[in-house]
């Protein structure tokens, strides 16, 4: 979550002191990933769904993705990740980010 930030250590330090951040949602990386960072309230997810505009590429195993988040009373309850397959989006097999792609 900070590999391309020139001040990544400063950002990580600031983030670790924020009590009200339940998740960090972001994009730009074309390959989706889920990782975690420390806060004063414990670990919280850093979530990138991946590119929603990828063309289906079976040879390189690349597909478009998007996420649906369930949030209730300011808390992230669940993440569903969808992958494009042939002509529609389908839920990622075995749950969000299980494919590792």
C-alpha atoms as a PDB file:
ATOM      1  CA  UNK A   1       0.000   0.000   0.000  1.00  0.00           C
ATOM      2  CA  UNK A   2       2.944   2.349  -0.157  1.00  0.00           C
ATOM      3  CA  UNK A   3       5.373   0.879  -2.676  1.00  0.00           C
ATOM      4  CA  UNK A   4       5.184   3.789  -5.105  1.00  0.00           C
ATOM      5  CA  UNK A   5       4.910   6.595  -2.565  1.00  0.00           C
ATOM      6  CA  UNK A   6       8.017   8.728  -2.151  1.00  0.00           C
ATOM      7  CA  UNK A   7       6.969   9.323   1.472  1.00  0.00           C
ATOM      8  CA  UNK A   8       5.543   5.831   2.095  1.00  0.00           C
ATOM      9  CA  UNK A   9       7.073   5.511   5.577  1.00  0.00           C
ATOM     10  CA  UNK A  10       5.562   8.831   6.654  1.00  0.00           C
ATOM     11  CA  UNK A  11       2.177   7.810   5.241  1.00  0.00           C
ATOM     12  CA  UNK A  12       2.342   4.394   6.965  1.00  0.00           C
ATOM     13  CA  UNK A  13       3.185   6.111  10.275  1.00  0.00           C
ATOM     14  CA  UNK A  14       0.265   8.553   9.917  1.00  0.00           C
ATOM     15  CA  UNK A  15      -2.109   5.756   8.905  1.00  0.00           C
ATOM     16  CA  UNK A  16      -1.189   3.616  11.908  1.00  0.00           C
ATOM     17  CA  UNK A  17      -2.421   6.396  14.236  1.00  0.00           C
ATOM     18  CA  UNK A  18      -5.851   6.872  12.628  1.00  0.00           C
ATOM     19  CA  UNK A  19      -8.573   5.324  14.814  1.00  0.00           C
ATOM     20  CA  UNK A  20     -11.518   5.810  12.447  1.00  0.00           C
ATOM     21  CA  UNK A  21     -10.265   4.267   9.197  1.00  0.00           C
ATOM     22  CA  UNK A  22     -11.857   0.850   8.694  1.00  0.00           C
ATOM     23  CA  UNK A  23     -10.511   0.203   5.189  1.00  0.00           C
ATOM     24  CA  UNK A  24      -8.457   1.883   2.498  1.00  0.00           C
ATOM     25  CA  UNK A  25     -10.050   1.554  -0.947  1.00  0.00           C
ATOM     26  CA  UNK A  26      -8.000   2.547  -3.954  1.00  0.00           C
ATOM     27  CA  UNK A  27      -7.199   1.759  -7.541  1.00  0.00           C
ATOM     28  CA  UNK A  28      -4.717   2.376 -10.313  1.00  0.00           C
ATOM     29  CA  UNK A  29      -2.844  -0.914  -9.928  1.00  0.00           C
ATOM     30  CA  UNK A  30      -4.102  -3.088 -12.763  1.00  0.00           C
ATOM     31  CA  UNK A  31      -3.786  -6.307 -10.777  1.00  0.00           C
ATOM     32  CA  UNK A  32      -6.057  -6.463  -7.774  1.00  0.00           C
ATOM     33  CA  UNK A  33      -4.821  -7.262  -4.323  1.00  0.00           C
ATOM     34  CA  UNK A  34      -5.840  -7.294  -0.702  1.00  0.00           C
ATOM     35  CA  UNK A  35      -3.346  -6.555   2.059  1.00  0.00           C
ATOM     36  CA  UNK A  36      -3.573  -5.200   5.611  1.00  0.00           C
ATOM     37  CA  UNK A  37      -2.066  -2.335   7.595  1.00  0.00           C
ATOM     38  CA  UNK A  38      -1.865  -1.638  11.318  1.00  0.00           C
ATOM     39  CA  UNK A  39      -3.995   0.982  13.073  1.00  0.00           C
ATOM     40  CA  UNK A  40      -4.590   1.803  16.713  1.00  0.00           C
ATOM     41  CA  UNK A  41      -7.631  -0.491  16.435  1.00  0.00           C
ATOM     42  CA  UNK A  42      -5.764  -3.443  14.891  1.00  0.00           C
ATOM     43  CA  UNK A  43      -5.314  -4.546  11.293  1.00  0.00           C
ATOM     44  CA  UNK A  44      -7.441  -2.994   8.551  1.00  0.00           C
ATOM     45  CA  UNK A  45      -7.643  -3.940   4.848  1.00  0.00           C
ATOM     46  CA  UNK A  46      -6.075  -2.081   1.943  1.00  0.00           C
ATOM     47  CA  UNK A  47      -8.147  -3.071  -1.099  1.00  0.00           C
ATOM     48  CA  UNK A  48      -7.545  -2.675  -4.822  1.00  0.00           C
ATOM     49  CA  UNK A  49     -10.091  -4.453  -7.040  1.00  0.00           C
ATOM     50  CA  UNK A  50      -7.875  -4.424 -10.134  1.00  0.00           C
ATOM     51  CA  UNK A  51      -8.698  -3.072 -13.555  1.00  0.00           C
ATOM     52  CA  UNK A  52     -12.364  -3.014 -14.507  1.00  0.00           C
ATOM     53  CA  UNK A  53     -11.393  -2.376 -18.124  1.00  0.00           C
ATOM     54  CA  UNK A  54      -9.201  -5.398 -18.813  1.00  0.00           C
ATOM     55  CA  UNK A  55     -10.063  -7.392 -21.898  1.00  0.00           C
ATOM     56  CA  UNK A  56     -10.469 -11.102 -21.144  1.00  0.00           C
ATOM     57  CA  UNK A  57      -7.071 -12.738 -21.791  1.00  0.00           C
ATOM     58  CA  UNK A  58      -7.178 -16.469 -21.109  1.00  0.00           C
ATOM     59  CA  UNK A  59      -3.543 -17.008 -22.091  1.00  0.00           C
ATOM     60  CA  UNK A  60      -2.238 -14.598 -19.439  1.00  0.00           C
ATOM     61  CA  UNK A  61      -5.159 -15.274 -17.087  1.00  0.00           C
ATOM     62  CA  UNK A  62      -6.276 -11.653 -16.906  1.00  0.00           C
ATOM     63  CA  UNK A  63      -9.837 -10.484 -16.514  1.00  0.00           C
ATOM     64  CA  UNK A  64     -11.656  -7.316 -15.600  1.00  0.00           C
ATOM     65  CA  UNK A  65     -12.721  -7.136 -11.934  1.00  0.00           C
ATOM     66  CA  UNK A  66     -14.808  -4.968  -9.655  1.00  0.00           C
ATOM     67  CA  UNK A  67     -15.752  -5.135  -5.972  1.00  0.00           C
ATOM     68  CA  UNK A  68     -19.005  -4.743  -4.077  1.00  0.00           C
ATOM     69  CA  UNK A  69     -18.657  -3.663  -0.464  1.00  0.00           C
ATOM     70  CA  UNK A  70     -21.224  -4.113   2.283  1.00  0.00           C
ATOM     71  CA  UNK A  71     -20.880  -1.294   4.810  1.00  0.00           C
ATOM     72  CA  UNK A  72     -23.105  -0.903   7.831  1.00  0.00           C
ATOM     73  CA  UNK A  73     -22.841   1.730  10.543  1.00  0.00           C
ATOM     74  CA  UNK A  74     -19.410   2.826   9.216  1.00  0.00           C
ATOM     75  CA  UNK A  75     -17.998  -0.725   9.324  1.00  0.00           C
ATOM     76  CA  UNK A  76     -16.930  -2.866   6.385  1.00  0.00           C
ATOM     77  CA  UNK A  77     -18.872  -6.113   6.716  1.00  0.00           C
ATOM     78  CA  UNK A  78     -17.940  -7.930   3.516  1.00  0.00           C
ATOM     79  CA  UNK A  79     -16.270  -7.753   0.122  1.00  0.00           C
ATOM     80  CA  UNK A  80     -17.540  -9.483  -2.990  1.00  0.00           C
ATOM     81  CA  UNK A  81     -15.243  -9.488  -6.020  1.00  0.00           C
ATOM     82  CA  UNK A  82     -16.570 -10.062  -9.531  1.00  0.00           C
ATOM     83  CA  UNK A  83     -14.606 -11.233 -12.566  1.00  0.00           C
ATOM     84  CA  UNK A  84     -15.540 -10.814 -16.209  1.00  0.00           C
ATOM     85  CA  UNK A  85     -16.078 -14.127 -17.961  1.00  0.00           C
ATOM     86  CA  UNK A  86     -17.072 -14.297 -21.636  1.00  0.00           C
ATOM     87  CA  UNK A  87     -20.041 -11.910 -21.568  1.00  0.00           C
ATOM     88  CA  UNK A  88     -20.859 -11.100 -17.951  1.00  0.00           C
ATOM     89  CA  UNK A  89     -19.408 -10.611 -14.492  1.00  0.00           C
ATOM     90  CA  UNK A  90     -19.474 -13.570 -12.104  1.00  0.00           C
ATOM     91  CA  UNK A  91     -18.505 -13.817  -8.414  1.00  0.00           C
ATOM     92  CA  UNK A  92     -14.872 -14.793  -7.905  1.00  0.00           C
ATOM     93  CA  UNK A  93     -14.660 -18.498  -7.098  1.00  0.00           C
ATOM     94  CA  UNK A  94     -14.088 -19.324  -3.420  1.00  0.00           C
ATOM     95  CA  UNK A  95     -14.511 -15.704  -2.328  1.00  0.00           C
ATOM     96  CA  UNK A  96     -12.864 -12.338  -2.901  1.00  0.00           C
ATOM     97  CA  UNK A  97      -9.138 -12.477  -3.739  1.00  0.00           C
ATOM     98  CA  UNK A  98      -8.907 -16.279  -3.575  1.00  0.00           C
ATOM     99  CA  UNK A  99      -7.677 -16.334  -7.182  1.00  0.00           C
ATOM    100  CA  UNK A 100      -4.657 -14.196  -6.270  1.00  0.00           C
ATOM    101  CA  UNK A 101      -5.210 -12.179  -9.457  1.00  0.00           C
END
